[in-house]
Each structure stands twice: as C-alpha cells, then as structure tokens.
PDB file of N, CA and C in Angstrom:
ATOM      1  N   MET A   1     -31.801   1.276-229.426  1.00  0.00           N
ATOM      2  CA  MET A   1     -32.756   2.101-228.692  1.00  0.00           C
ATOM      3  C   MET A   1     -34.063   2.094-229.485  1.00  0.00           C
ATOM      4  N   ASP A   2     -35.161   1.871-228.815  1.00  0.00           N
ATOM      5  CA  ASP A   2     -36.444   1.917-229.498  1.00  0.00           C
ATOM      6  C   ASP A   2     -36.945   3.363-229.532  1.00  0.00           C
ATOM      7  N   VAL A   3     -37.979   3.581-230.298  1.00  0.00           N
ATOM      8  CA  VAL A   3     -38.483   4.938-230.490  1.00  0.00           C
ATOM      9  C   VAL A   3     -39.009   5.530-229.194  1.00  0.00           C
ATOM     10  N   GLU A   4     -39.701   4.730-228.394  1.00  0.00           N
ATOM     11  CA  GLU A   4     -40.242   5.262-227.138  1.00  0.00           C
ATOM     12  C   GLU A   4     -39.125   5.679-226.189  1.00  0.00           C
ATOM     13  N   THR A   5     -38.067   4.878-226.108  1.00  0.00           N
ATOM     14  CA  THR A   5     -36.929   5.254-225.267  1.00  0.00           C
ATOM     15  C   THR A   5     -36.302   6.529-225.797  1.00  0.00           C
ATOM     16  N   GLY A   6     -36.202   6.625-227.107  1.00  0.00           N
ATOM     17  CA  GLY A   6     -35.662   7.837-227.705  1.00  0.00           C
ATOM     18  C   GLY A   6     -36.486   9.058-227.370  1.00  0.00           C
ATOM     19  N   MET A   7     -37.801   8.913-227.375  1.00  0.00           N
ATOM     20  CA  MET A   7     -38.659  10.046-227.039  1.00  0.00           C
ATOM     21  C   MET A   7     -38.530  10.392-225.561  1.00  0.00           C
ATOM     22  N   GLU A   8     -38.369   9.386-224.702  1.00  0.00           N
ATOM     23  CA  GLU A   8     -38.150   9.679-223.284  1.00  0.00           C
ATOM     24  C   GLU A   8     -36.865  10.473-223.115  1.00  0.00           C
ATOM     25  N   ASN A   9     -35.819  10.071-223.838  1.00  0.00           N
ATOM     26  CA  ASN A   9     -34.562  10.800-223.763  1.00  0.00           C
ATOM     27  C   ASN A   9     -34.719  12.205-224.320  1.00  0.00           C
ATOM     28  N   LEU A  10     -35.453  12.335-225.402  1.00  0.00           N
ATOM     29  CA  LEU A  10     -35.688  13.638-225.994  1.00  0.00           C
ATOM     30  C   LEU A  10     -36.409  14.540-225.009  1.00  0.00           C
ATOM     31  N   THR A  11     -37.408  14.015-224.345  1.00  0.00           N
ATOM     32  CA  THR A  11     -38.154  14.797-223.367  1.00  0.00           C
ATOM     33  C   THR A  11     -37.253  15.247-222.233  1.00  0.00           C
ATOM     34  N   SER A  12     -36.336  14.404-221.818  1.00  0.00           N
ATOM     35  CA  SER A  12     -35.506  14.738-220.661  1.00  0.00           C
ATOM     36  C   SER A  12     -34.432  15.771-220.976  1.00  0.00           C
ATOM     37  N   VAL A  13     -34.050  15.913-222.244  1.00  0.00           N
ATOM     38  CA  VAL A  13     -32.960  16.838-222.561  1.00  0.00           C
ATOM     39  C   VAL A  13     -33.414  18.112-223.252  1.00  0.00           C
ATOM     40  N   CYS A  14     -34.648  18.186-223.681  1.00  0.00           N
ATOM     41  CA  CYS A  14     -35.113  19.356-224.420  1.00  0.00           C
ATOM     42  C   CYS A  14     -35.260  20.557-223.505  1.00  0.00           C
ATOM     43  N   ASP A  15     -34.868  21.690-224.023  1.00  0.00           N
ATOM     44  CA  ASP A  15     -35.106  22.928-223.292  1.00  0.00           C
ATOM     45  C   ASP A  15     -35.710  23.938-224.255  1.00  0.00           C
ATOM     46  N   GLY A  16     -35.970  25.124-223.785  1.00  0.00           N
ATOM     47  CA  GLY A  16     -36.631  26.134-224.597  1.00  0.00           C
ATOM     48  C   GLY A  16     -35.845  26.585-225.806  1.00  0.00           C
ATOM     49  N   ASP A  17     -34.544  26.315-225.856  1.00  0.00           N
ATOM     50  CA  ASP A  17     -33.716  26.761-226.972  1.00  0.00           C
ATOM     51  C   ASP A  17     -33.569  25.705-228.051  1.00  0.00           C
ATOM     52  N   SER A  18     -34.131  24.545-227.858  1.00  0.00           N
ATOM     53  CA  SER A  18     -33.951  23.451-228.796  1.00  0.00           C
ATOM     54  C   SER A  18     -34.853  23.627-230.011  1.00  0.00           C
ATOM     55  N   THR A  19     -34.281  23.488-231.203  1.00  0.00           N
ATOM     56  CA  THR A  19     -35.083  23.654-232.418  1.00  0.00           C
ATOM     57  C   THR A  19     -35.531  22.330-233.007  1.00  0.00           C
ATOM     58  N   GLN A  20     -34.765  21.264-232.854  1.00  0.00           N
ATOM     59  CA  GLN A  20     -35.136  20.009-233.487  1.00  0.00           C
ATOM     60  C   GLN A  20     -36.498  19.488-233.038  1.00  0.00           C
ATOM     61  N   PRO A  21     -36.814  19.454-231.744  1.00  0.00           N
ATOM     62  CA  PRO A  21     -38.155  18.998-231.370  1.00  0.00           C
ATOM     63  C   PRO A  21     -39.260  19.862-231.969  1.00  0.00           C
ATOM     64  N   ARG A  22     -39.030  21.141-232.096  1.00  0.00           N
ATOM     65  CA  ARG A  22     -40.044  22.021-232.707  1.00  0.00           C
ATOM     66  C   ARG A  22     -40.220  21.703-234.183  1.00  0.00           C
ATOM     67  N   GLU A  23     -39.124  21.361-234.839  1.00  0.00           N
ATOM     68  CA  GLU A  23     -39.224  20.963-236.250  1.00  0.00           C
ATOM     69  C   GLU A  23     -40.026  19.676-236.381  1.00  0.00           C
ATOM     70  N   LEU A  24     -39.787  18.740-235.477  1.00  0.00           N
ATOM     71  CA  LEU A  24     -40.561  17.495-235.498  1.00  0.00           C
ATOM     72  C   LEU A  24     -42.040  17.778-235.258  1.00  0.00           C
ATOM     73  N   GLU A  25     -42.312  18.750-234.409  1.00  0.00           N
ATOM     74  CA  GLU A  25     -43.696  19.149-234.155  1.00  0.00           C
ATOM     75  C   GLU A  25     -44.307  19.764-235.417  1.00  0.00           C
ATOM     76  N   GLN A  26     -43.568  20.632-236.074  1.00  0.00           N
ATOM     77  CA  GLN A  26     -44.056  21.267-237.301  1.00  0.00           C
ATOM     78  C   GLN A  26     -44.297  20.237-238.398  1.00  0.00           C
ATOM     79  N   ASP A  27     -43.498  19.176-238.394  1.00  0.00           N
ATOM     80  CA  ASP A  27     -43.654  18.113-239.382  1.00  0.00           C
ATOM     81  C   ASP A  27     -44.767  17.138-239.020  1.00  0.00           C
ATOM     82  N   GLY A  28     -45.373  17.324-237.847  1.00  0.00           N
ATOM     83  CA  GLY A  28     -46.476  16.470-237.429  1.00  0.00           C
ATOM     84  C   GLY A  28     -46.056  15.144-236.842  1.00  0.00           C
ATOM     85  N   LEU A  29     -44.787  15.017-236.436  1.00  0.00           N
ATOM     86  CA  LEU A  29     -44.305  13.751-235.897  1.00  0.00           C
ATOM     87  C   LEU A  29     -44.385  13.673-234.382  1.00  0.00           C
ATOM     88  N   VAL A  30     -44.415  14.813-233.714  1.00  0.00           N
ATOM     89  CA  VAL A  30     -44.575  14.834-232.270  1.00  0.00           C
ATOM     90  C   VAL A  30     -45.582  15.904-231.887  1.00  0.00           C
ATOM     91  N   SER A  31     -46.213  15.689-230.754  1.00  0.00           N
ATOM     92  CA  SER A  31     -47.061  16.735-230.181  1.00  0.00           C
ATOM     93  C   SER A  31     -46.345  17.246-228.934  1.00  0.00           C
ATOM     94  N   ARG A  32     -46.484  18.524-228.681  1.00  0.00           N
ATOM     95  CA  ARG A  32     -45.763  19.183-227.593  1.00  0.00           C
ATOM     96  C   ARG A  32     -46.756  19.676-226.555  1.00  0.00           C
ATOM     97  N   THR A  33     -46.466  19.390-225.290  1.00  0.00           N
ATOM     98  CA  THR A  33     -47.277  19.889-224.190  1.00  0.00           C
ATOM     99  C   THR A  33     -46.363  20.638-223.236  1.00  0.00           C
ATOM    100  N   ALA A  34     -46.654  21.926-223.031  1.00  0.00           N
ATOM    101  CA  ALA A  34     -45.880  22.746-222.095  1.00  0.00           C
ATOM    102  C   ALA A  34     -46.701  22.904-220.821  1.00  0.00           C
ATOM    103  N   PHE A  35     -46.055  22.756-219.687  1.00  0.00           N
ATOM    104  CA  PHE A  35     -46.716  22.863-218.398  1.00  0.00           C
ATOM    105  C   PHE A  35     -46.287  24.164-217.724  1.00  0.00           C
ATOM    106  N   ALA A  36     -47.239  24.862-217.159  1.00  0.00           N
ATOM    107  CA  ALA A  36     -46.971  26.132-216.479  1.00  0.00           C
ATOM    108  C   ALA A  36     -46.411  25.844-215.092  1.00  0.00           C
ATOM    109  N   GLU A  37     -45.170  25.435-215.058  1.00  0.00           N
ATOM    110  CA  GLU A  37     -44.479  25.105-213.820  1.00  0.00           C
ATOM    111  C   GLU A  37     -43.160  25.853-213.798  1.00  0.00           C
ATOM    112  N   LYS A  38     -42.572  25.912-212.632  1.00  0.00           N
ATOM    113  CA  LYS A  38     -41.225  26.479-212.510  1.00  0.00           C
ATOM    114  C   LYS A  38     -40.335  25.409-211.922  1.00  0.00           C
ATOM    115  N   PRO A  39     -39.297  24.980-212.608  1.00  0.00           N
ATOM    116  CA  PRO A  39     -38.966  25.388-213.972  1.00  0.00           C
ATOM    117  C   PRO A  39     -39.974  24.815-214.965  1.00  0.00           C
ATOM    118  N   MET A  40     -40.045  25.459-216.115  1.00  0.00           N
ATOM    119  CA  MET A  40     -41.001  25.033-217.138  1.00  0.00           C
ATOM    120  C   MET A  40     -40.689  23.602-217.583  1.00  0.00           C
ATOM    121  N   ARG A  41     -41.733  22.831-217.758  1.00  0.00           N
ATOM    122  CA  ARG A  41     -41.589  21.446-218.199  1.00  0.00           C
ATOM    123  C   ARG A  41     -42.307  21.300-219.522  1.00  0.00           C
ATOM    124  N   VAL A  42     -41.652  20.615-220.455  1.00  0.00           N
ATOM    125  CA  VAL A  42     -42.226  20.357-221.770  1.00  0.00           C
ATOM    126  C   VAL A  42     -42.134  18.865-222.036  1.00  0.00           C
ATOM    127  N   GLU A  43     -43.218  18.285-222.518  1.00  0.00           N
ATOM    128  CA  GLU A  43     -43.215  16.867-222.888  1.00  0.00           C
ATOM    129  C   GLU A  43     -43.574  16.739-224.356  1.00  0.00           C
ATOM    130  N   TYR A  44     -42.929  15.783-224.998  1.00  0.00           N
ATOM    131  CA  TYR A  44     -43.197  15.481-226.398  1.00  0.00           C
ATOM    132  C   TYR A  44     -43.733  14.062-226.491  1.00  0.00           C
ATOM    133  N   GLU A  45     -44.690  13.868-227.386  1.00  0.00           N
ATOM    134  CA  GLU A  45     -45.280  12.553-227.577  1.00  0.00           C
ATOM    135  C   GLU A  45     -45.372  12.275-229.074  1.00  0.00           C
ATOM    136  N   LEU A  46     -45.093  11.021-229.449  1.00  0.00           N
ATOM    137  CA  LEU A  46     -45.198  10.651-230.855  1.00  0.00           C
ATOM    138  C   LEU A  46     -46.643  10.734-231.326  1.00  0.00           C
ATOM    139  N   THR A  47     -46.822  11.177-232.555  1.00  0.00           N
ATOM    140  CA  THR A  47     -48.150  11.224-233.167  1.00  0.00           C
ATOM    141  C   THR A  47     -48.391   9.933-233.952  1.00  0.00           C
ATOM    142  N   GLU A  48     -49.602   9.779-234.438  1.00  0.00           N
ATOM    143  CA  GLU A  48     -49.925   8.614-235.264  1.00  0.00           C
ATOM    144  C   GLU A  48     -49.037   8.585-236.507  1.00  0.00           C
ATOM    145  N   ALA A  49     -48.732   9.754-237.054  1.00  0.00           N
ATOM    146  CA  ALA A  49     -47.860   9.819-238.231  1.00  0.00           C
ATOM    147  C   ALA A  49     -46.481   9.243-237.918  1.00  0.00           C
ATOM    148  N   ALA A  50     -45.944   9.545-236.739  1.00  0.00           N
ATOM    149  CA  ALA A  50     -44.637   9.010-236.358  1.00  0.00           C
ATOM    150  C   ALA A  50     -44.707   7.498-236.176  1.00  0.00           C
ATOM    151  N   TYR A  51     -45.769   7.030-235.524  1.00  0.00           N
ATOM    152  CA  TYR A  51     -45.919   5.587-235.362  1.00  0.00           C
ATOM    153  C   TYR A  51     -46.052   4.896-236.712  1.00  0.00           C
ATOM    154  N   GLY A  52     -46.610   5.581-237.692  1.00  0.00           N
ATOM    155  CA  GLY A  52     -46.715   5.021-239.037  1.00  0.00           C
ATOM    156  C   GLY A  52     -45.369   4.806-239.699  1.00  0.00           C
ATOM    157  N   LEU A  53     -44.356   5.521-239.230  1.00  0.00           N
ATOM    158  CA  LEU A  53     -43.007   5.371-239.776  1.00  0.00           C
ATOM    159  C   LEU A  53     -42.226   4.223-239.139  1.00  0.00           C
ATOM    160  N   LEU A  54     -42.731   3.639-238.068  1.00  0.00           N
ATOM    161  CA  LEU A  54     -41.992   2.588-237.369  1.00  0.00           C
ATOM    162  C   LEU A  54     -41.572   1.421-238.273  1.00  0.00           C
ATOM    163  N   PRO A  55     -42.435   0.909-239.142  1.00  0.00           N
ATOM    164  CA  PRO A  55     -41.983  -0.183-240.011  1.00  0.00           C
ATOM    165  C   PRO A  55     -40.781   0.218-240.876  1.00  0.00           C
ATOM    166  N   ALA A  56     -40.783   1.429-241.385  1.00  0.00           N
ATOM    167  CA  ALA A  56     -39.659   1.890-242.200  1.00  0.00           C
ATOM    168  C   ALA A  56     -38.391   1.996-241.349  1.00  0.00           C
ATOM    169  N   PHE A  57     -38.508   2.536-240.138  1.00  0.00           N
ATOM    170  CA  PHE A  57     -37.350   2.649-239.256  1.00  0.00           C
ATOM    171  C   PHE A  57     -36.794   1.273-238.898  1.00  0.00           C
ATOM    172  N   LYS A  58     -37.678   0.307-238.674  1.00  0.00           N
ATOM    173  CA  LYS A  58     -37.226  -1.042-238.341  1.00  0.00           C
ATOM    174  C   LYS A  58     -36.455  -1.659-239.508  1.00  0.00           C
ATOM    175  N   GLU A  59     -36.916  -1.435-240.727  1.00  0.00           N
ATOM    176  CA  GLU A  59     -36.209  -1.944-241.906  1.00  0.00           C
ATOM    177  C   GLU A  59     -34.847  -1.283-242.060  1.00  0.00           C
ATOM    178  N   ILE A  60     -34.780   0.007-241.826  1.00  0.00           N
ATOM    179  CA  ILE A  60     -33.495   0.709-241.909  1.00  0.00           C
ATOM    180  C   ILE A  60     -32.542   0.187-240.838  1.00  0.00           C
ATOM    181  N   LEU A  61     -33.052  -0.048-239.627  1.00  0.00           N
ATOM    182  CA  LEU A  61     -32.228  -0.593-238.553  1.00  0.00           C
ATOM    183  C   LEU A  61     -31.710  -1.977-238.920  1.00  0.00           C
ATOM    184  N   SER A  62     -32.562  -2.819-239.470  1.00  0.00           N
ATOM    185  CA  SER A  62     -32.134  -4.163-239.892  1.00  0.00           C
ATOM    186  C   SER A  62     -31.055  -4.069-240.958  1.00  0.00           C
ATOM    187  N   TRP A  63     -31.258  -3.200-241.920  1.00  0.00           N
ATOM    188  CA  TRP A  63     -30.268  -3.008-242.974  1.00  0.00           C
ATOM    189  C   TRP A  63     -28.938  -2.543-242.392  1.00  0.00           C
ATOM    190  N   SER A  64     -28.985  -1.584-241.454  1.00  0.00           N
ATOM    191  CA  SER A  64     -27.743  -1.052-240.894  1.00  0.00           C
ATOM    192  C   SER A  64     -26.988  -2.113-240.103  1.00  0.00           C
ATOM    193  N   ARG A  65     -27.716  -2.964-239.395  1.00  0.00           N
ATOM    194  CA  ARG A  65     -27.064  -4.047-238.645  1.00  0.00           C
ATOM    195  C   ARG A  65     -26.407  -5.032-239.597  1.00  0.00           C
ATOM    196  N   LEU A  66     -27.087  -5.379-240.681  1.00  0.00           N
ATOM    197  CA  LEU A  66     -26.520  -6.281-241.675  1.00  0.00           C
ATOM    198  C   LEU A  66     -25.303  -5.648-242.321  1.00  0.00           C
ATOM    199  N   TYR A  67     -25.409  -4.405-242.712  1.00  0.00           N
ATOM    200  CA  TYR A  67     -24.306  -3.712-243.369  1.00  0.00           C
ATOM    201  C   TYR A  67     -23.096  -3.624-242.445  1.00  0.00           C
ATOM    202  N   THR A  68     -23.318  -3.344-241.169  1.00  0.00           N
ATOM    203  CA  THR A  68     -22.219  -3.247-240.207  1.00  0.00           C
ATOM    204  C   THR A  68     -21.520  -4.591-240.072  1.00  0.00           C
ATOM    205  N   ARG A  69     -22.296  -5.678-240.017  1.00  0.00           N
ATOM    206  CA  ARG A  69     -21.695  -7.020-239.923  1.00  0.00           C
ATOM    207  C   ARG A  69     -20.886  -7.337-241.172  1.00  0.00           C
ATOM    208  N   LEU A  70     -21.422  -7.012-242.350  1.00  0.00           N
ATOM    209  CA  LEU A  70     -20.717  -7.276-243.594  1.00  0.00           C
ATOM    210  C   LEU A  70     -19.423  -6.470-243.657  1.00  0.00           C
ATOM    211  N   GLU A  71     -19.498  -5.225-243.272  1.00  0.00           N
ATOM    212  CA  GLU A  71     -18.317  -4.359-243.294  1.00  0.00           C
ATOM    213  C   GLU A  71     -17.249  -4.873-242.328  1.00  0.00           C
ATOM    214  N   THR A  72     -17.672  -5.303-241.148  1.00  0.00           N
ATOM    215  CA  THR A  72     -16.753  -5.806-240.131  1.00  0.00           C
ATOM    216  C   THR A  72     -16.088  -7.085-240.619  1.00  0.00           C
ATOM    217  N   SER A  73     -16.842  -7.993-241.245  1.00  0.00           N
ATOM    218  CA  SER A  73     -16.275  -9.260-241.710  1.00  0.00           C
ATOM    219  C   SER A  73     -15.327  -9.037-242.886  1.00  0.00           C
ATOM    220  N   GLN A  74     -15.553  -8.032-243.704  1.00  0.00           N
ATOM    221  CA  GLN A  74     -14.657  -7.745-244.829  1.00  0.00           C
ATOM    222  C   GLN A  74     -13.341  -7.138-244.356  1.00  0.00           C
ATOM    223  N   GLN A  75     -13.350  -6.463-243.210  1.00  0.00           N
ATOM    224  CA  GLN A  75     -12.139  -5.857-242.687  1.00  0.00           C
ATOM    225  C   GLN A  75     -11.269  -6.870-241.960  1.00  0.00           C
ATOM    226  N   ALA A  76     -11.841  -8.001-241.580  1.00  0.00           N
ATOM    227  CA  ALA A  76     -11.093  -9.013-240.816  1.00  0.00           C
ATOM    228  C   ALA A  76     -10.166  -9.806-241.700  1.00  0.00           C
TER     229      ALA A  76
END
C-alpha cells in the first residue's frame, strides 16, 4: 500500500473518537480539515514533512521485503 492509499483509507475510517490521526496532526505529519456537514466529515492530508519521510519509508519497506524473503527461505 502506498502512502496516498493509506491516507485515503485513514480518511474513510476516521471518526471523532480517533486519537491517532490527531497525534499525526500534532506531530505535523497531516493537516486536518473538518467540514460543517451532517454527518460531520473530516479529511486528512499529508504535509510536506510527511512527504519528506517517503524515502525513509521506502527503504524500510525494501528492507522488510528482503527480510521476509530471507526468513521464508531459511524456513524451507
């Protein structure tokens, strides 16, 4: 899953009781927009700071894929 898909999923499941998106907002990784609608709608968008982390996330993903393959081949 890429980061944008993840944010789309995050937007679709977040409700007023969710704390994790608010923590991401406090950390400066997402911006939050609340719409005065019924039912209330909230959208989250990645900030420049979050996009700056993409290279690190890609490296971690590559490492995890390699590690999973190595672990799987050692168990065979």
